[in-house]
């Protein structure tokens, strides 16, 4: 009984900061990938591969539709911010996602490496990925594409981007 009451109370409260940020990361990444997949699917000619693309598109759309309702548990007035519709914002966001993935992949790879020369190579590549990530982030931040210090704008940008990706024809 106490657990049910606790869950009911918790479901009405605001998301915690750490889960709000994880939600942001997942929605932003998936919206960006969904737009990319929808842009290129008509160029995929091979039937089985096209089927995999369609499965990925449907899965990501389902994921976003599942995640978007959680934005209601965070602070943002939905009508207060208009997302830019710039191609540079989209392309730089894709590059930012790639660099973030590279940093994570190289960091993991280093922990699995026993060969000194390969470890040094991975470490050099990791540092390059970190530096490029910072440059791309700075580019986006300076142009207003990534309002990282304004959680309200950041979250609203996620919602608008995800809705755009879901509704984008292909």
C-alpha atoms as a PDB file:
ATOM      1  CA  UNK A   1       0.000   0.000   0.000  1.00  0.00           C
ATOM      2  CA  UNK A   2       2.724   2.492   0.932  1.00  0.00           C
ATOM      3  CA  UNK A   3       4.624   1.668  -2.265  1.00  0.00           C
ATOM      4  CA  UNK A   4       1.524   2.343  -4.409  1.00  0.00           C
ATOM      5  CA  UNK A   5       0.964   5.676  -2.677  1.00  0.00           C
ATOM      6  CA  UNK A   6       4.646   6.570  -3.117  1.00  0.00           C
ATOM      7  CA  UNK A   7       4.487   5.726  -6.842  1.00  0.00           C
ATOM      8  CA  UNK A   8       1.313   7.792  -7.288  1.00  0.00           C
ATOM      9  CA  UNK A   9       2.919  10.792  -5.575  1.00  0.00           C
ATOM     10  CA  UNK A  10       6.134  10.424  -7.556  1.00  0.00           C
ATOM     11  CA  UNK A  11       4.317  10.213 -10.886  1.00  0.00           C
ATOM     12  CA  UNK A  12       2.918  13.707 -10.283  1.00  0.00           C
ATOM     13  CA  UNK A  13       6.242  15.329  -9.465  1.00  0.00           C
ATOM     14  CA  UNK A  14       8.850  16.978 -11.622  1.00  0.00           C
ATOM     15  CA  UNK A  15      11.611  14.850 -13.106  1.00  0.00           C
ATOM     16  CA  UNK A  16      14.916  14.831 -11.245  1.00  0.00           C
ATOM     17  CA  UNK A  17      17.733  16.822 -12.863  1.00  0.00           C
ATOM     18  CA  UNK A  18      19.805  13.792 -13.782  1.00  0.00           C
ATOM     19  CA  UNK A  19      16.913  12.005 -15.485  1.00  0.00           C
ATOM     20  CA  UNK A  20      15.859  15.236 -17.224  1.00  0.00           C
ATOM     21  CA  UNK A  21      19.317  15.458 -18.758  1.00  0.00           C
ATOM     22  CA  UNK A  22      19.341  11.784 -19.787  1.00  0.00           C
ATOM     23  CA  UNK A  23      15.923  12.255 -21.368  1.00  0.00           C
ATOM     24  CA  UNK A  24      17.285  15.263 -23.270  1.00  0.00           C
ATOM     25  CA  UNK A  25      20.271  13.292 -24.564  1.00  0.00           C
ATOM     26  CA  UNK A  26      18.122  10.381 -25.780  1.00  0.00           C
ATOM     27  CA  UNK A  27      15.437  12.504 -27.422  1.00  0.00           C
ATOM     28  CA  UNK A  28      17.889  14.864 -29.111  1.00  0.00           C
ATOM     29  CA  UNK A  29      19.991  12.003 -30.487  1.00  0.00           C
ATOM     30  CA  UNK A  30      17.042   9.953 -31.694  1.00  0.00           C
ATOM     31  CA  UNK A  31      15.297  12.919 -33.336  1.00  0.00           C
ATOM     32  CA  UNK A  32      18.478  13.745 -35.209  1.00  0.00           C
ATOM     33  CA  UNK A  33      18.978  10.164 -36.370  1.00  0.00           C
ATOM     34  CA  UNK A  34      15.319   9.880 -37.395  1.00  0.00           C
ATOM     35  CA  UNK A  35      15.644  12.934 -39.631  1.00  0.00           C
ATOM     36  CA  UNK A  36      18.802  11.471 -41.191  1.00  0.00           C
ATOM     37  CA  UNK A  37      17.155   8.109 -41.852  1.00  0.00           C
ATOM     38  CA  UNK A  38      14.083   9.694 -43.401  1.00  0.00           C
ATOM     39  CA  UNK A  39      16.239  11.875 -45.635  1.00  0.00           C
ATOM     40  CA  UNK A  40      18.090   8.927 -47.160  1.00  0.00           C
ATOM     41  CA  UNK A  41      15.661   5.999 -47.107  1.00  0.00           C
ATOM     42  CA  UNK A  42      14.493   6.619 -50.669  1.00  0.00           C
ATOM     43  CA  UNK A  43      18.077   6.237 -51.854  1.00  0.00           C
ATOM     44  CA  UNK A  44      18.281   2.722 -50.361  1.00  0.00           C
ATOM     45  CA  UNK A  45      17.500   0.310 -53.189  1.00  0.00           C
ATOM     46  CA  UNK A  46      18.255  -3.084 -51.661  1.00  0.00           C
ATOM     47  CA  UNK A  47      15.003  -4.548 -50.290  1.00  0.00           C
ATOM     48  CA  UNK A  48      16.281  -6.116 -47.084  1.00  0.00           C
ATOM     49  CA  UNK A  49      18.321  -3.051 -46.149  1.00  0.00           C
ATOM     50  CA  UNK A  50      15.353  -0.777 -46.870  1.00  0.00           C
ATOM     51  CA  UNK A  51      13.269  -2.989 -44.593  1.00  0.00           C
ATOM     52  CA  UNK A  52      15.854  -2.490 -41.825  1.00  0.00           C
ATOM     53  CA  UNK A  53      15.719   1.267 -42.354  1.00  0.00           C
ATOM     54  CA  UNK A  54      11.921   1.177 -42.083  1.00  0.00           C
ATOM     55  CA  UNK A  55      12.160  -0.886 -38.905  1.00  0.00           C
ATOM     56  CA  UNK A  56      14.635   1.623 -37.444  1.00  0.00           C
ATOM     57  CA  UNK A  57      12.402   4.558 -38.435  1.00  0.00           C
ATOM     58  CA  UNK A  58       9.321   2.968 -36.875  1.00  0.00           C
ATOM     59  CA  UNK A  59      11.251   2.010 -33.726  1.00  0.00           C
ATOM     60  CA  UNK A  60      12.697   5.485 -33.246  1.00  0.00           C
ATOM     61  CA  UNK A  61       9.300   7.103 -33.844  1.00  0.00           C
ATOM     62  CA  UNK A  62       7.806   4.777 -31.214  1.00  0.00           C
ATOM     63  CA  UNK A  63      10.632   5.627 -28.814  1.00  0.00           C
ATOM     64  CA  UNK A  64      10.099   9.363 -29.270  1.00  0.00           C
ATOM     65  CA  UNK A  65       6.346   9.046 -28.858  1.00  0.00           C
ATOM     66  CA  UNK A  66       6.968   7.136 -25.610  1.00  0.00           C
ATOM     67  CA  UNK A  67       9.480   9.683 -24.311  1.00  0.00           C
ATOM     68  CA  UNK A  68       7.816  12.981 -25.252  1.00  0.00           C
ATOM     69  CA  UNK A  69       5.066  12.721 -22.581  1.00  0.00           C
ATOM     70  CA  UNK A  70       7.761  12.815 -19.895  1.00  0.00           C
ATOM     71  CA  UNK A  71       8.572  16.397 -20.906  1.00  0.00           C
ATOM     72  CA  UNK A  72       5.328  17.410 -19.186  1.00  0.00           C
ATOM     73  CA  UNK A  73       7.037  16.615 -15.862  1.00  0.00           C
ATOM     74  CA  UNK A  74       9.698  19.241 -16.383  1.00  0.00           C
ATOM     75  CA  UNK A  75       9.651  23.031 -16.298  1.00  0.00           C
ATOM     76  CA  UNK A  76       9.099  24.706 -19.612  1.00  0.00           C
ATOM     77  CA  UNK A  77       6.404  26.889 -21.132  1.00  0.00           C
ATOM     78  CA  UNK A  78       5.967  25.262 -24.551  1.00  0.00           C
ATOM     79  CA  UNK A  79       4.992  28.396 -26.454  1.00  0.00           C
ATOM     80  CA  UNK A  80       7.820  30.589 -25.141  1.00  0.00           C
ATOM     81  CA  UNK A  81      10.517  29.457 -27.549  1.00  0.00           C
ATOM     82  CA  UNK A  82      10.684  28.892 -31.275  1.00  0.00           C
ATOM     83  CA  UNK A  83      13.241  26.417 -32.550  1.00  0.00           C
ATOM     84  CA  UNK A  84      15.356  27.526 -35.461  1.00  0.00           C
ATOM     85  CA  UNK A  85      14.833  25.626 -38.657  1.00  0.00           C
ATOM     86  CA  UNK A  86      18.383  26.037 -39.959  1.00  0.00           C
ATOM     87  CA  UNK A  87      20.213  23.381 -41.893  1.00  0.00           C
ATOM     88  CA  UNK A  88      23.478  24.292 -40.110  1.00  0.00           C
ATOM     89  CA  UNK A  89      21.779  23.570 -36.772  1.00  0.00           C
ATOM     90  CA  UNK A  90      20.753  20.106 -37.960  1.00  0.00           C
ATOM     91  CA  UNK A  91      24.104  19.252 -39.524  1.00  0.00           C
ATOM     92  CA  UNK A  92      26.109  20.569 -36.590  1.00  0.00           C
ATOM     93  CA  UNK A  93      23.843  18.595 -34.237  1.00  0.00           C
ATOM     94  CA  UNK A  94      24.621  15.451 -36.220  1.00  0.00           C
ATOM     95  CA  UNK A  95      28.321  16.176 -35.986  1.00  0.00           C
ATOM     96  CA  UNK A  96      28.027  16.834 -32.244  1.00  0.00           C
ATOM     97  CA  UNK A  97      26.292  13.483 -31.764  1.00  0.00           C
ATOM     98  CA  UNK A  98      28.981  11.722 -33.764  1.00  0.00           C
ATOM     99  CA  UNK A  99      31.796  13.311 -31.759  1.00  0.00           C
ATOM    100  CA  UNK A 100      30.087  12.440 -28.469  1.00  0.00           C
ATOM    101  CA  UNK A 101      29.708   8.826 -29.602  1.00  0.00           C
ATOM    102  CA  UNK A 102      33.356   8.761 -30.646  1.00  0.00           C
ATOM    103  CA  UNK A 103      34.508  10.016 -27.253  1.00  0.00           C
ATOM    104  CA  UNK A 104      32.485   7.313 -25.519  1.00  0.00           C
ATOM    105  CA  UNK A 105      33.631   4.571 -27.904  1.00  0.00           C
ATOM    106  CA  UNK A 106      37.314   5.444 -27.573  1.00  0.00           C
ATOM    107  CA  UNK A 107      37.052   5.747 -23.786  1.00  0.00           C
ATOM    108  CA  UNK A 108      35.559   2.251 -23.661  1.00  0.00           C
ATOM    109  CA  UNK A 109      38.075   0.849 -26.124  1.00  0.00           C
ATOM    110  CA  UNK A 110      40.997   2.122 -24.041  1.00  0.00           C
ATOM    111  CA  UNK A 111      39.737   0.179 -21.019  1.00  0.00           C
ATOM    112  CA  UNK A 112      39.823  -3.031 -23.095  1.00  0.00           C
ATOM    113  CA  UNK A 113      43.283  -2.505 -24.598  1.00  0.00           C
ATOM    114  CA  UNK A 114      46.396  -4.360 -23.429  1.00  0.00           C
ATOM    115  CA  UNK A 115      48.751  -3.570 -26.334  1.00  0.00           C
ATOM    116  CA  UNK A 116      50.727  -0.385 -25.517  1.00  0.00           C
ATOM    117  CA  UNK A 117      50.924   0.906 -29.104  1.00  0.00           C
ATOM    118  CA  UNK A 118      47.184   0.442 -29.630  1.00  0.00           C
ATOM    119  CA  UNK A 119      46.492   2.059 -26.244  1.00  0.00           C
ATOM    120  CA  UNK A 120      48.537   5.113 -27.280  1.00  0.00           C
ATOM    121  CA  UNK A 121      46.727   5.286 -30.616  1.00  0.00           C
ATOM    122  CA  UNK A 122      43.322   5.052 -28.968  1.00  0.00           C
ATOM    123  CA  UNK A 123      44.357   7.711 -26.462  1.00  0.00           C
ATOM    124  CA  UNK A 124      45.460  10.067 -29.245  1.00  0.00           C
ATOM    125  CA  UNK A 125      42.202   9.461 -31.111  1.00  0.00           C
ATOM    126  CA  UNK A 126      40.222  10.060 -27.907  1.00  0.00           C
ATOM    127  CA  UNK A 127      41.926  13.419 -27.365  1.00  0.00           C
ATOM    128  CA  UNK A 128      41.209  14.386 -30.985  1.00  0.00           C
ATOM    129  CA  UNK A 129      37.540  13.408 -30.543  1.00  0.00           C
ATOM    130  CA  UNK A 130      37.304  15.422 -27.315  1.00  0.00           C
ATOM    131  CA  UNK A 131      38.812  18.473 -28.998  1.00  0.00           C
ATOM    132  CA  UNK A 132      36.519  18.202 -32.025  1.00  0.00           C
ATOM    133  CA  UNK A 133      33.488  17.764 -29.769  1.00  0.00           C
ATOM    134  CA  UNK A 134      34.398  20.976 -27.956  1.00  0.00           C
ATOM    135  CA  UNK A 135      34.822  22.864 -31.240  1.00  0.00           C
ATOM    136  CA  UNK A 136      31.471  21.653 -32.581  1.00  0.00           C
ATOM    137  CA  UNK A 137      29.732  22.435 -29.275  1.00  0.00           C
ATOM    138  CA  UNK A 138      31.266  25.934 -29.271  1.00  0.00           C
ATOM    139  CA  UNK A 139      30.154  26.495 -32.868  1.00  0.00           C
ATOM    140  CA  UNK A 140      26.590  25.472 -31.981  1.00  0.00           C
ATOM    141  CA  UNK A 141      26.483  27.411 -28.721  1.00  0.00           C
ATOM    142  CA  UNK A 142      27.761  30.645 -30.276  1.00  0.00           C
ATOM    143  CA  UNK A 143      25.056  30.474 -32.956  1.00  0.00           C
ATOM    144  CA  UNK A 144      22.228  29.646 -30.563  1.00  0.00           C
ATOM    145  CA  UNK A 145      21.756  26.105 -31.917  1.00  0.00           C
ATOM    146  CA  UNK A 146      22.502  24.520 -28.546  1.00  0.00           C
ATOM    147  CA  UNK A 147      21.274  26.622 -25.596  1.00  0.00           C
ATOM    148  CA  UNK A 148      23.073  24.463 -23.040  1.00  0.00           C
ATOM    149  CA  UNK A 149      22.759  26.940 -20.177  1.00  0.00           C
ATOM    150  CA  UNK A 150      19.015  27.358 -20.614  1.00  0.00           C
ATOM    151  CA  UNK A 151      17.326  24.097 -19.675  1.00  0.00           C
ATOM    152  CA  UNK A 152      13.917  25.433 -20.669  1.00  0.00           C
ATOM    153  CA  UNK A 153      15.026  26.273 -24.209  1.00  0.00           C
ATOM    154  CA  UNK A 154      17.045  23.084 -24.486  1.00  0.00           C
ATOM    155  CA  UNK A 155      14.088  20.884 -23.538  1.00  0.00           C
ATOM    156  CA  UNK A 156      11.671  22.796 -25.742  1.00  0.00           C
ATOM    157  CA  UNK A 157      14.090  22.435 -28.624  1.00  0.00           C
ATOM    158  CA  UNK A 158      14.047  18.663 -28.015  1.00  0.00           C
ATOM    159  CA  UNK A 159      10.253  18.518 -28.168  1.00  0.00           C
ATOM    160  CA  UNK A 160      10.020  20.585 -31.328  1.00  0.00           C
ATOM    161  CA  UNK A 161      12.822  18.669 -33.020  1.00  0.00           C
ATOM    162  CA  UNK A 162      11.304  15.298 -32.097  1.00  0.00           C
ATOM    163  CA  UNK A 163       7.864  16.338 -33.350  1.00  0.00           C
ATOM    164  CA  UNK A 164       9.429  17.589 -36.589  1.00  0.00           C
ATOM    165  CA  UNK A 165      11.247  14.266 -37.016  1.00  0.00           C
ATOM    166  CA  UNK A 166       8.136  12.211 -36.298  1.00  0.00           C
ATOM    167  CA  UNK A 167       5.997  14.218 -38.721  1.00  0.00           C
ATOM    168  CA  UNK A 168       8.618  14.415 -41.464  1.00  0.00           C
ATOM    169  CA  UNK A 169       7.497  12.527 -44.576  1.00  0.00           C
ATOM    170  CA  UNK A 170       9.760  10.021 -46.284  1.00  0.00           C
END
